[in-house]
Amino acid sequence: MKNQNVKKTELELSGLDPEELEFMDIEERKKVLKAAGLDPQKYDF
């Protein structure tokens, strides 16, 4: 659970809404994460 909270914080600090990301298709989510400077493979939705 702690690891999940850390990921959520990273996403929020990058200006992303984790709940919104869950509803995106996988390719769109990858693009958004990359644009925010994050590694898409690090996140499991």
N, C-alpha and C. Protein backbone atom coordinates (compact mmCIF):
# COMPACT_ATOMS: atom_id res chain seq x y z
N MET A 1 0.82 -1.20 0.00
CA MET A 1 0.00 0.00 0.00
C MET A 1 0.87 1.26 0.00
N LYS A 2 1.94 1.25 0.76
CA LYS A 2 2.81 2.42 0.82
C LYS A 2 3.36 2.75 -0.57
N ASN A 3 3.78 1.75 -1.32
CA ASN A 3 4.32 1.97 -2.65
C ASN A 3 3.29 2.63 -3.55
N GLN A 4 2.03 2.23 -3.43
CA GLN A 4 0.96 2.81 -4.23
C GLN A 4 0.79 4.29 -3.90
N ASN A 5 0.91 4.65 -2.64
CA ASN A 5 0.80 6.04 -2.23
C ASN A 5 1.94 6.87 -2.79
N VAL A 6 3.14 6.30 -2.83
CA VAL A 6 4.29 7.02 -3.38
C VAL A 6 4.06 7.30 -4.85
N LYS A 7 3.57 6.32 -5.59
CA LYS A 7 3.30 6.50 -7.01
C LYS A 7 2.24 7.59 -7.22
N LYS A 8 1.21 7.56 -6.42
CA LYS A 8 0.15 8.55 -6.55
C LYS A 8 0.71 9.94 -6.31
N THR A 9 1.56 10.08 -5.34
CA THR A 9 2.16 11.37 -5.05
C THR A 9 3.03 11.83 -6.22
N GLU A 10 3.82 10.94 -6.79
CA GLU A 10 4.65 11.28 -7.95
C GLU A 10 3.78 11.79 -9.09
N LEU A 11 2.69 11.11 -9.34
CA LEU A 11 1.79 11.51 -10.42
C LEU A 11 1.21 12.88 -10.13
N GLU A 12 0.75 13.08 -8.91
CA GLU A 12 0.16 14.37 -8.54
C GLU A 12 1.18 15.49 -8.60
N LEU A 13 2.39 15.22 -8.18
CA LEU A 13 3.45 16.23 -8.24
C LEU A 13 3.79 16.59 -9.68
N SER A 14 3.53 15.67 -10.59
CA SER A 14 3.78 15.92 -12.01
C SER A 14 2.59 16.61 -12.67
N GLY A 15 1.57 16.91 -11.89
CA GLY A 15 0.40 17.59 -12.41
C GLY A 15 -0.62 16.66 -13.04
N LEU A 16 -0.52 15.37 -12.75
CA LEU A 16 -1.44 14.40 -13.33
C LEU A 16 -2.45 13.92 -12.30
N ASP A 17 -3.62 13.54 -12.76
CA ASP A 17 -4.66 13.01 -11.90
C ASP A 17 -4.69 11.49 -12.07
N PRO A 18 -4.29 10.74 -11.05
CA PRO A 18 -4.23 9.28 -11.15
C PRO A 18 -5.56 8.66 -11.56
N GLU A 19 -6.67 9.21 -11.09
CA GLU A 19 -7.98 8.66 -11.45
C GLU A 19 -8.27 8.86 -12.93
N GLU A 20 -7.87 10.00 -13.47
CA GLU A 20 -8.06 10.27 -14.89
C GLU A 20 -7.22 9.31 -15.73
N LEU A 21 -6.01 9.06 -15.29
CA LEU A 21 -5.12 8.16 -16.02
C LEU A 21 -5.69 6.75 -16.12
N GLU A 22 -6.40 6.32 -15.10
CA GLU A 22 -6.98 4.98 -15.10
C GLU A 22 -7.98 4.78 -16.23
N PHE A 23 -8.64 5.85 -16.65
CA PHE A 23 -9.68 5.74 -17.67
C PHE A 23 -9.15 5.95 -19.10
N MET A 24 -7.89 6.33 -19.23
CA MET A 24 -7.31 6.53 -20.56
C MET A 24 -6.95 5.19 -21.17
N ASP A 25 -6.93 5.16 -22.52
CA ASP A 25 -6.43 3.94 -23.14
C ASP A 25 -4.92 3.90 -22.94
N ILE A 26 -4.34 2.74 -23.06
CA ILE A 26 -2.94 2.53 -22.68
C ILE A 26 -1.96 3.41 -23.46
N GLU A 27 -2.20 3.59 -24.75
CA GLU A 27 -1.29 4.42 -25.56
C GLU A 27 -1.36 5.88 -25.15
N GLU A 28 -2.55 6.38 -24.91
CA GLU A 28 -2.71 7.76 -24.49
C GLU A 28 -2.04 7.97 -23.13
N ARG A 29 -2.22 7.02 -22.22
CA ARG A 29 -1.62 7.11 -20.88
C ARG A 29 -0.10 7.14 -20.98
N LYS A 30 0.47 6.30 -21.85
CA LYS A 30 1.93 6.27 -22.03
C LYS A 30 2.44 7.63 -22.49
N LYS A 31 1.73 8.23 -23.45
CA LYS A 31 2.14 9.54 -23.98
C LYS A 31 2.10 10.60 -22.89
N VAL A 32 1.04 10.60 -22.09
CA VAL A 32 0.88 11.59 -21.02
C VAL A 32 1.98 11.43 -19.97
N LEU A 33 2.25 10.19 -19.59
CA LEU A 33 3.30 9.94 -18.59
C LEU A 33 4.67 10.37 -19.13
N LYS A 34 4.96 10.03 -20.38
CA LYS A 34 6.24 10.43 -20.97
C LYS A 34 6.36 11.95 -21.04
N ALA A 35 5.28 12.62 -21.42
CA ALA A 35 5.28 14.08 -21.51
C ALA A 35 5.54 14.72 -20.15
N ALA A 36 5.13 14.02 -19.09
CA ALA A 36 5.34 14.53 -17.73
C ALA A 36 6.72 14.16 -17.20
N GLY A 37 7.51 13.44 -18.02
CA GLY A 37 8.86 13.07 -17.60
C GLY A 37 8.91 11.82 -16.74
N LEU A 38 7.86 11.00 -16.80
CA LEU A 38 7.78 9.78 -16.00
C LEU A 38 7.92 8.55 -16.89
N ASP A 39 8.36 7.45 -16.32
CA ASP A 39 8.51 6.19 -17.04
C ASP A 39 7.18 5.43 -17.00
N PRO A 40 6.51 5.29 -18.14
CA PRO A 40 5.20 4.61 -18.17
C PRO A 40 5.24 3.16 -17.68
N GLN A 41 6.37 2.50 -17.83
CA GLN A 41 6.46 1.11 -17.41
C GLN A 41 6.51 0.97 -15.89
N LYS A 42 6.75 2.05 -15.22
CA LYS A 42 6.82 2.05 -13.75
C LYS A 42 5.45 2.00 -13.11
N TYR A 43 4.41 2.30 -13.89
CA TYR A 43 3.05 2.40 -13.35
C TYR A 43 2.17 1.28 -13.87
N ASP A 44 1.38 0.71 -12.99
CA ASP A 44 0.48 -0.39 -13.32
C ASP A 44 -0.95 0.05 -13.05
N PHE A 45 -1.70 0.26 -14.11
CA PHE A 45 -3.09 0.71 -13.96
C PHE A 45 -4.02 -0.41 -14.28
